[in-house]
Amino acid sequence: MSLYVIEERTSCVLCVSEASYGFVGKNGPTFVLLTNDGAPNKRLVSLDTREPESGIATPVPETNAVLQNVERVTNSSCLQSMTSKRK
């Protein structure tokens, strides 16, 4: 997988092959993303744009339930909406 991050003021561009990434929010230089990369039921990941070479962290790993939606509640909290396991 190739992951490139380009930060320009408040925009972020992700170039990723074979996965989808959805922007959830930003906490300072850290972007929070919903992805299916390595997780068919989706997971929440974060990326520090100051050190993109250090890779992504997984604050909410994949589970047996499908993570369908994540909404920003505060600067440090997310609300997760899950359904039963994908068939």
PDB file of N, CA and C in Angstrom:
ATOM      1  N   MET A   1       0.837  -1.170   0.000  1.00  0.00           N
ATOM      2  CA  MET A   1       0.000   0.000   0.000  1.00  0.00           C
ATOM      3  C   MET A   1       0.881   1.232   0.000  1.00  0.00           C
ATOM      4  N   SER A   2       0.513   2.207  -0.787  1.00  0.00           N
ATOM      5  CA  SER A   2       1.209   3.485  -0.800  1.00  0.00           C
ATOM      6  C   SER A   2       0.290   4.545  -0.216  1.00  0.00           C
ATOM      7  N   LEU A   3       0.815   5.330   0.694  1.00  0.00           N
ATOM      8  CA  LEU A   3       0.034   6.381   1.332  1.00  0.00           C
ATOM      9  C   LEU A   3       0.837   7.662   1.281  1.00  0.00           C
ATOM     10  N   TYR A   4       0.279   8.680   0.668  1.00  0.00           N
ATOM     11  CA  TYR A   4       0.932   9.971   0.555  1.00  0.00           C
ATOM     12  C   TYR A   4       0.025  11.020   1.165  1.00  0.00           C
ATOM     13  N   VAL A   5       0.565  11.884   1.986  1.00  0.00           N
ATOM     14  CA  VAL A   5      -0.217  12.945   2.600  1.00  0.00           C
ATOM     15  C   VAL A   5       0.355  14.281   2.172  1.00  0.00           C
ATOM     16  N   ILE A   6      -0.510  15.135   1.684  1.00  0.00           N
ATOM     17  CA  ILE A   6      -0.111  16.476   1.288  1.00  0.00           C
ATOM     18  C   ILE A   6      -1.029  17.436   2.026  1.00  0.00           C
ATOM     19  N   GLU A   7      -0.483  18.207   2.955  1.00  0.00           N
ATOM     20  CA  GLU A   7      -1.302  19.151   3.716  1.00  0.00           C
ATOM     21  C   GLU A   7      -1.101  20.549   3.155  1.00  0.00           C
ATOM     22  N   GLU A   8      -2.179  21.188   2.807  1.00  0.00           N
ATOM     23  CA  GLU A   8      -2.136  22.538   2.267  1.00  0.00           C
ATOM     24  C   GLU A   8      -3.213  23.348   2.968  1.00  0.00           C
ATOM     25  N   ARG A   9      -2.810  24.134   3.949  1.00  0.00           N
ATOM     26  CA  ARG A   9      -3.713  24.878   4.828  1.00  0.00           C
ATOM     27  C   ARG A   9      -4.664  23.921   5.527  1.00  0.00           C
ATOM     28  N   THR A  10      -5.914  23.808   5.117  1.00  0.00           N
ATOM     29  CA  THR A  10      -6.847  22.906   5.802  1.00  0.00           C
ATOM     30  C   THR A  10      -7.238  21.705   4.950  1.00  0.00           C
ATOM     31  N   SER A  11      -6.600  21.510   3.812  1.00  0.00           N
ATOM     32  CA  SER A  11      -6.974  20.369   2.969  1.00  0.00           C
ATOM     33  C   SER A  11      -5.942  19.262   3.087  1.00  0.00           C
ATOM     34  N   CYS A  12      -6.380  18.061   2.852  1.00  0.00           N
ATOM     35  CA  CYS A  12      -5.495  16.902   2.900  1.00  0.00           C
ATOM     36  C   CYS A  12      -5.817  16.023   1.711  1.00  0.00           C
ATOM     37  N   VAL A  13      -4.803  15.554   1.039  1.00  0.00           N
ATOM     38  CA  VAL A  13      -4.987  14.661  -0.097  1.00  0.00           C
ATOM     39  C   VAL A  13      -4.367  13.319   0.241  1.00  0.00           C
ATOM     40  N   LEU A  14      -5.133  12.251   0.113  1.00  0.00           N
ATOM     41  CA  LEU A  14      -4.631  10.903   0.341  1.00  0.00           C
ATOM     42  C   LEU A  14      -4.675  10.146  -0.969  1.00  0.00           C
ATOM     43  N   CYS A  15      -3.552   9.565  -1.341  1.00  0.00           N
ATOM     44  CA  CYS A  15      -3.484   8.743  -2.539  1.00  0.00           C
ATOM     45  C   CYS A  15      -3.230   7.313  -2.089  1.00  0.00           C
ATOM     46  N   VAL A  16      -4.228   6.484  -2.177  1.00  0.00           N
ATOM     47  CA  VAL A  16      -4.133   5.127  -1.655  1.00  0.00           C
ATOM     48  C   VAL A  16      -4.677   4.160  -2.691  1.00  0.00           C
ATOM     49  N   SER A  17      -3.985   3.050  -2.882  1.00  0.00           N
ATOM     50  CA  SER A  17      -4.479   2.033  -3.796  1.00  0.00           C
ATOM     51  C   SER A  17      -5.205   0.944  -3.017  1.00  0.00           C
ATOM     52  N   GLU A  18      -6.288   0.453  -3.564  1.00  0.00           N
ATOM     53  CA  GLU A  18      -7.025  -0.693  -3.050  1.00  0.00           C
ATOM     54  C   GLU A  18      -7.701  -0.468  -1.697  1.00  0.00           C
ATOM     55  N   ALA A  19      -7.988   0.758  -1.311  1.00  0.00           N
ATOM     56  CA  ALA A  19      -8.682   1.022  -0.052  1.00  0.00           C
ATOM     57  C   ALA A  19      -9.406   2.360  -0.147  1.00  0.00           C
ATOM     58  N   SER A  20     -10.411   2.531   0.720  1.00  0.00           N
ATOM     59  CA  SER A  20     -11.081   3.822   0.786  1.00  0.00           C
ATOM     60  C   SER A  20     -10.821   4.456   2.141  1.00  0.00           C
ATOM     61  N   TYR A  21     -10.690   5.763   2.135  1.00  0.00           N
ATOM     62  CA  TYR A  21     -10.469   6.540   3.352  1.00  0.00           C
ATOM     63  C   TYR A  21     -11.449   7.695   3.361  1.00  0.00           C
ATOM     64  N   GLY A  22     -12.200   7.829   4.450  1.00  0.00           N
ATOM     65  CA  GLY A  22     -13.133   8.942   4.585  1.00  0.00           C
ATOM     66  C   GLY A  22     -12.697   9.849   5.723  1.00  0.00           C
ATOM     67  N   PHE A  23     -12.645  11.137   5.473  1.00  0.00           N
ATOM     68  CA  PHE A  23     -12.222  12.112   6.470  1.00  0.00           C
ATOM     69  C   PHE A  23     -13.295  12.250   7.547  1.00  0.00           C
ATOM     70  N   VAL A  24     -12.909  12.063   8.821  1.00  0.00           N
ATOM     71  CA  VAL A  24     -13.830  12.194   9.946  1.00  0.00           C
ATOM     72  C   VAL A  24     -13.622  13.531  10.647  1.00  0.00           C
ATOM     73  N   GLY A  25     -12.373  13.888  10.854  1.00  0.00           N
ATOM     74  CA  GLY A  25     -12.082  15.137  11.548  1.00  0.00           C
ATOM     75  C   GLY A  25     -10.593  15.342  11.700  1.00  0.00           C
ATOM     76  N   LYS A  26     -10.266  16.418  12.380  1.00  0.00           N
ATOM     77  CA  LYS A  26      -8.875  16.804  12.554  1.00  0.00           C
ATOM     78  C   LYS A  26      -8.690  17.302  13.973  1.00  0.00           C
ATOM     79  N   ASN A  27      -7.622  16.875  14.627  1.00  0.00           N
ATOM     80  CA  ASN A  27      -7.286  17.347  15.958  1.00  0.00           C
ATOM     81  C   ASN A  27      -5.866  17.898  15.874  1.00  0.00           C
ATOM     82  N   GLY A  28      -5.744  19.195  15.632  1.00  0.00           N
ATOM     83  CA  GLY A  28      -4.426  19.785  15.395  1.00  0.00           C
ATOM     84  C   GLY A  28      -3.856  19.207  14.115  1.00  0.00           C
ATOM     85  N   PRO A  29      -2.618  18.687  14.165  1.00  0.00           N
ATOM     86  CA  PRO A  29      -1.995  18.123  12.967  1.00  0.00           C
ATOM     87  C   PRO A  29      -2.381  16.671  12.690  1.00  0.00           C
ATOM     88  N   THR A  30      -3.274  16.106  13.512  1.00  0.00           N
ATOM     89  CA  THR A  30      -3.659  14.702  13.363  1.00  0.00           C
ATOM     90  C   THR A  30      -5.011  14.585  12.671  1.00  0.00           C
ATOM     91  N   PHE A  31      -5.026  13.833  11.564  1.00  0.00           N
ATOM     92  CA  PHE A  31      -6.251  13.575  10.813  1.00  0.00           C
ATOM     93  C   PHE A  31      -6.840  12.250  11.273  1.00  0.00           C
ATOM     94  N   VAL A  32      -8.163  12.199  11.422  1.00  0.00           N
ATOM     95  CA  VAL A  32      -8.881  10.980  11.794  1.00  0.00           C
ATOM     96  C   VAL A  32      -9.665  10.528  10.573  1.00  0.00           C
ATOM     97  N   LEU A  33      -9.515   9.244  10.214  1.00  0.00           N
ATOM     98  CA  LEU A  33     -10.092   8.714   8.981  1.00  0.00           C
ATOM     99  C   LEU A  33     -10.807   7.391   9.232  1.00  0.00           C
ATOM    100  N   LEU A  34     -11.881   7.151   8.491  1.00  0.00           N
ATOM    101  CA  LEU A  34     -12.579   5.866   8.489  1.00  0.00           C
ATOM    102  C   LEU A  34     -12.112   5.125   7.251  1.00  0.00           C
ATOM    103  N   THR A  35     -11.643   3.876   7.433  1.00  0.00           N
ATOM    104  CA  THR A  35     -11.088   3.135   6.293  1.00  0.00           C
ATOM    105  C   THR A  35     -11.480   1.666   6.309  1.00  0.00           C
ATOM    106  N   ASN A  36     -11.402   1.068   5.127  1.00  0.00           N
ATOM    107  CA  ASN A  36     -11.559  -0.379   4.991  1.00  0.00           C
ATOM    108  C   ASN A  36     -10.211  -1.033   4.653  1.00  0.00           C
ATOM    109  N   ASP A  37      -9.127  -0.277   4.750  1.00  0.00           N
ATOM    110  CA  ASP A  37      -7.791  -0.793   4.448  1.00  0.00           C
ATOM    111  C   ASP A  37      -7.398  -1.857   5.468  1.00  0.00           C
ATOM    112  N   GLY A  38      -7.319  -3.101   5.028  1.00  0.00           N
ATOM    113  CA  GLY A  38      -6.991  -4.206   5.922  1.00  0.00           C
ATOM    114  C   GLY A  38      -8.092  -4.537   6.901  1.00  0.00           C
ATOM    115  N   ALA A  39      -9.299  -4.008   6.674  1.00  0.00           N
ATOM    116  CA  ALA A  39     -10.409  -4.204   7.600  1.00  0.00           C
ATOM    117  C   ALA A  39     -11.730  -4.133   6.832  1.00  0.00           C
ATOM    118  N   PRO A  40     -12.219  -5.256   6.318  1.00  0.00           N
ATOM    119  CA  PRO A  40     -13.466  -5.240   5.544  1.00  0.00           C
ATOM    120  C   PRO A  40     -14.653  -4.650   6.319  1.00  0.00           C
ATOM    121  N   ASN A  41     -14.646  -4.771   7.663  1.00  0.00           N
ATOM    122  CA  ASN A  41     -15.717  -4.200   8.482  1.00  0.00           C
ATOM    123  C   ASN A  41     -15.411  -2.768   8.910  1.00  0.00           C
ATOM    124  N   LYS A  42     -14.338  -2.205   8.418  1.00  0.00           N
ATOM    125  CA  LYS A  42     -13.862  -0.838   8.637  1.00  0.00           C
ATOM    126  C   LYS A  42     -13.267  -0.634  10.026  1.00  0.00           C
ATOM    127  N   ARG A  43     -12.420   0.380  10.109  1.00  0.00           N
ATOM    128  CA  ARG A  43     -11.766   0.772  11.353  1.00  0.00           C
ATOM    129  C   ARG A  43     -11.480   2.266  11.297  1.00  0.00           C
ATOM    130  N   LEU A  44     -11.221   2.834  12.455  1.00  0.00           N
ATOM    131  CA  LEU A  44     -10.886   4.244  12.563  1.00  0.00           C
ATOM    132  C   LEU A  44      -9.378   4.357  12.731  1.00  0.00           C
ATOM    133  N   VAL A  45      -8.752   5.196  11.917  1.00  0.00           N
ATOM    134  CA  VAL A  45      -7.302   5.384  12.006  1.00  0.00           C
ATOM    135  C   VAL A  45      -6.987   6.863  12.153  1.00  0.00           C
ATOM    136  N   SER A  46      -5.777   7.131  12.623  1.00  0.00           N
ATOM    137  CA  SER A  46      -5.333   8.522  12.726  1.00  0.00           C
ATOM    138  C   SER A  46      -3.935   8.628  12.139  1.00  0.00           C
ATOM    139  N   LEU A  47      -3.635   9.805  11.622  1.00  0.00           N
ATOM    140  CA  LEU A  47      -2.356  10.055  10.981  1.00  0.00           C
ATOM    141  C   LEU A  47      -1.856  11.429  11.395  1.00  0.00           C
ATOM    142  N   ASP A  48      -0.664  11.460  11.991  1.00  0.00           N
ATOM    143  CA  ASP A  48      -0.040  12.718  12.389  1.00  0.00           C
ATOM    144  C   ASP A  48       0.689  13.283  11.174  1.00  0.00           C
ATOM    145  N   THR A  49       0.230  14.421  10.667  1.00  0.00           N
ATOM    146  CA  THR A  49       0.809  14.976   9.447  1.00  0.00           C
ATOM    147  C   THR A  49       2.212  15.536   9.661  1.00  0.00           C
ATOM    148  N   ARG A  50       2.624  15.709  10.927  1.00  0.00           N
ATOM    149  CA  ARG A  50       3.990  16.157  11.192  1.00  0.00           C
ATOM    150  C   ARG A  50       4.990  15.046  10.940  1.00  0.00           C
ATOM    151  N   GLU A  51       4.525  13.787  11.097  1.00  0.00           N
ATOM    152  CA  GLU A  51       5.393  12.623  10.924  1.00  0.00           C
ATOM    153  C   GLU A  51       4.664  11.523  10.159  1.00  0.00           C
ATOM    154  N   PRO A  52       4.271  11.750   8.894  1.00  0.00           N
ATOM    155  CA  PRO A  52       3.510  10.737   8.154  1.00  0.00           C
ATOM    156  C   PRO A  52       4.290   9.446   7.935  1.00  0.00           C
ATOM    157  N   GLU A  53       5.611   9.526   7.934  1.00  0.00           N
ATOM    158  CA  GLU A  53       6.422   8.319   7.750  1.00  0.00           C
ATOM    159  C   GLU A  53       6.314   7.356   8.931  1.00  0.00           C
ATOM    160  N   SER A  54       5.842   7.841  10.076  1.00  0.00           N
ATOM    161  CA  SER A  54       5.680   6.964  11.236  1.00  0.00           C
ATOM    162  C   SER A  54       4.469   6.052  11.094  1.00  0.00           C
ATOM    163  N   GLY A  55       3.635   6.315  10.094  1.00  0.00           N
ATOM    164  CA  GLY A  55       2.498   5.436   9.814  1.00  0.00           C
ATOM    165  C   GLY A  55       1.233   5.870  10.515  1.00  0.00           C
ATOM    166  N   ILE A  56       0.233   5.007  10.436  1.00  0.00           N
ATOM    167  CA  ILE A  56      -1.065   5.326  11.016  1.00  0.00           C
ATOM    168  C   ILE A  56      -1.271   4.582  12.327  1.00  0.00           C
ATOM    169  N   ALA A  57      -2.026   5.190  13.216  1.00  0.00           N
ATOM    170  CA  ALA A  57      -2.421   4.563  14.476  1.00  0.00           C
ATOM    171  C   ALA A  57      -3.864   4.090  14.313  1.00  0.00           C
ATOM    172  N   THR A  58      -4.268   3.111  15.113  1.00  0.00           N
ATOM    173  CA  THR A  58      -5.621   2.571  15.024  1.00  0.00           C
ATOM    174  C   THR A  58      -6.320   2.729  16.371  1.00  0.00           C
ATOM    175  N   PRO A  59      -6.938   3.904  16.624  1.00  0.00           N
ATOM    176  CA  PRO A  59      -7.639   4.090  17.893  1.00  0.00           C
ATOM    177  C   PRO A  59      -8.883   3.215  18.038  1.00  0.00           C
ATOM    178  N   VAL A  60      -9.522   2.861  16.905  1.00  0.00           N
ATOM    179  CA  VAL A  60     -10.686   1.971  16.930  1.00  0.00           C
ATOM    180  C   VAL A  60     -10.446   0.878  15.901  1.00  0.00           C
ATOM    181  N   PRO A  61     -10.033  -0.326  16.352  1.00  0.00           N
ATOM    182  CA  PRO A  61      -9.758  -1.414  15.409  1.00  0.00           C
ATOM    183  C   PRO A  61     -11.036  -2.026  14.847  1.00  0.00           C
ATOM    184  N   GLU A  62     -10.866  -2.845  13.823  1.00  0.00           N
ATOM    185  CA  GLU A  62     -11.983  -3.570  13.230  1.00  0.00           C
ATOM    186  C   GLU A  62     -12.534  -4.565  14.243  1.00  0.00           C
ATOM    187  N   THR A  63     -13.854  -4.768  14.213  1.00  0.00           N
ATOM    188  CA  THR A  63     -14.516  -5.769  15.051  1.00  0.00           C
ATOM    189  C   THR A  63     -15.356  -6.670  14.161  1.00  0.00           C
ATOM    190  N   ASN A  64     -16.137  -7.546  14.764  1.00  0.00           N
ATOM    191  CA  ASN A  64     -17.034  -8.415  13.995  1.00  0.00           C
ATOM    192  C   ASN A  64     -18.223  -7.653  13.429  1.00  0.00           C
ATOM    193  N   ALA A  65     -18.513  -6.481  13.968  1.00  0.00           N
ATOM    194  CA  ALA A  65     -19.606  -5.655  13.470  1.00  0.00           C
ATOM    195  C   ALA A  65     -19.054  -4.655  12.457  1.00  0.00           C
ATOM    196  N   VAL A  66     -19.896  -4.279  11.494  1.00  0.00           N
ATOM    197  CA  VAL A  66     -19.489  -3.328  10.459  1.00  0.00           C
ATOM    198  C   VAL A  66     -19.600  -1.905  11.014  1.00  0.00           C
ATOM    199  N   LEU A  67     -18.522  -1.165  10.930  1.00  0.00           N
ATOM    200  CA  LEU A  67     -18.519   0.236  11.344  1.00  0.00           C
ATOM    201  C   LEU A  67     -18.995   1.053  10.153  1.00  0.00           C
ATOM    202  N   GLN A  68     -20.221   1.561  10.225  1.00  0.00           N
ATOM    203  CA  GLN A  68     -20.819   2.232   9.082  1.00  0.00           C
ATOM    204  C   GLN A  68     -20.583   3.731   9.065  1.00  0.00           C
ATOM    205  N   ASN A  69     -20.566   4.348  10.236  1.00  0.00           N
ATOM    206  CA  ASN A  69     -20.522   5.797  10.278  1.00  0.00           C
ATOM    207  C   ASN A  69     -19.797   6.269  11.525  1.00  0.00           C
ATOM    208  N   VAL A  70     -19.040   7.319  11.391  1.00  0.00           N
ATOM    209  CA  VAL A  70     -18.382   7.958  12.530  1.00  0.00           C
ATOM    210  C   VAL A  70     -18.651   9.449  12.418  1.00  0.00           C
ATOM    211  N   GLU A  71     -19.118  10.046  13.511  1.00  0.00           N
ATOM    212  CA  GLU A  71     -19.393  11.476  13.519  1.00  0.00           C
ATOM    213  C   GLU A  71     -18.561  12.148  14.591  1.00  0.00           C
ATOM    214  N   ARG A  72     -18.103  13.322  14.296  1.00  0.00           N
ATOM    215  CA  ARG A  72     -17.312  14.111  15.225  1.00  0.00           C
ATOM    216  C   ARG A  72     -18.238  14.683  16.290  1.00  0.00           C
ATOM    217  N   VAL A  73     -17.911  14.451  17.573  1.00  0.00           N
ATOM    218  CA  VAL A  73     -18.734  14.950  18.672  1.00  0.00           C
ATOM    219  C   VAL A  73     -18.028  16.109  19.374  1.00  0.00           C
ATOM    220  N   THR A  74     -16.763  15.928  19.701  1.00  0.00           N
ATOM    221  CA  THR A  74     -15.928  16.989  20.264  1.00  0.00           C
ATOM    222  C   THR A  74     -14.577  16.906  19.576  1.00  0.00           C
ATOM    223  N   ASN A  75     -13.627  17.697  20.007  1.00  0.00           N
ATOM    224  CA  ASN A  75     -12.296  17.642  19.407  1.00  0.00           C
ATOM    225  C   ASN A  75     -11.592  16.315  19.644  1.00  0.00           C
ATOM    226  N   SER A  76     -12.029  15.551  20.639  1.00  0.00           N
ATOM    227  CA  SER A  76     -11.330  14.301  20.928  1.00  0.00           C
ATOM    228  C   SER A  76     -12.228  13.075  20.987  1.00  0.00           C
ATOM    229  N   SER A  77     -13.506  13.197  20.640  1.00  0.00           N
ATOM    230  CA  SER A  77     -14.428  12.071  20.736  1.00  0.00           C
ATOM    231  C   SER A  77     -15.129  11.815  19.412  1.00  0.00           C
ATOM    232  N   CYS A  78     -15.463  10.561  19.189  1.00  0.00           N
ATOM    233  CA  CYS A  78     -16.224  10.175  17.997  1.00  0.00           C
ATOM    234  C   CYS A  78     -17.362   9.260  18.408  1.00  0.00           C
ATOM    235  N   LEU A  79     -18.461   9.341  17.699  1.00  0.00           N
ATOM    236  CA  LEU A  79     -19.608   8.473  17.919  1.00  0.00           C
ATOM    237  C   LEU A  79     -19.606   7.435  16.817  1.00  0.00           C
ATOM    238  N   GLN A  80     -19.718   6.154  17.182  1.00  0.00           N
ATOM    239  CA  GLN A  80     -19.671   5.084  16.199  1.00  0.00           C
ATOM    240  C   GLN A  80     -21.056   4.461  16.037  1.00  0.00           C
ATOM    241  N   SER A  81     -21.398   4.177  14.801  1.00  0.00           N
ATOM    242  CA  SER A  81     -22.648   3.508  14.512  1.00  0.00           C
ATOM    243  C   SER A  81     -22.305   2.166  13.887  1.00  0.00           C
ATOM    244  N   MET A  82     -22.735   1.057  14.532  1.00  0.00           N
ATOM    245  CA  MET A  82     -22.362  -0.275  14.046  1.00  0.00           C
ATOM    246  C   MET A  82     -23.592  -1.115  13.777  1.00  0.00           C
ATOM    247  N   THR A  83     -23.443  -2.048  12.850  1.00  0.00           N
ATOM    248  CA  THR A  83     -24.502  -2.986  12.547  1.00  0.00           C
ATOM    249  C   THR A  83     -23.953  -4.399  12.744  1.00  0.00           C
ATOM    250  N   SER A  84     -24.782  -5.376  12.488  1.00  0.00           N
ATOM    251  CA  SER A  84     -24.349  -6.752  12.637  1.00  0.00           C
ATOM    252  C   SER A  84     -23.256  -7.099  11.628  1.00  0.00           C
ATOM    253  N   LYS A  85     -22.618  -8.215  11.850  1.00  0.00           N
ATOM    254  CA  LYS A  85     -21.494  -8.661  11.023  1.00  0.00           C
ATOM    255  C   LYS A  85     -21.856  -8.752   9.543  1.00  0.00           C
ATOM    256  N   ARG A  86     -20.936  -8.292   8.703  1.00  0.00           N
ATOM    257  CA  ARG A  86     -21.101  -8.369   7.247  1.00  0.00           C
ATOM    258  C   ARG A  86     -21.127  -9.830   6.823  1.00  0.00           C
ATOM    259  N   LYS A  87     -22.011 -10.154   5.903  1.00  0.00           N
ATOM    260  CA  LYS A  87     -22.101 -11.544   5.434  1.00  0.00           C
ATOM    261  C   LYS A  87     -21.290 -11.750   4.194  1.00  0.00           C
TER     262      LYS A  87
END
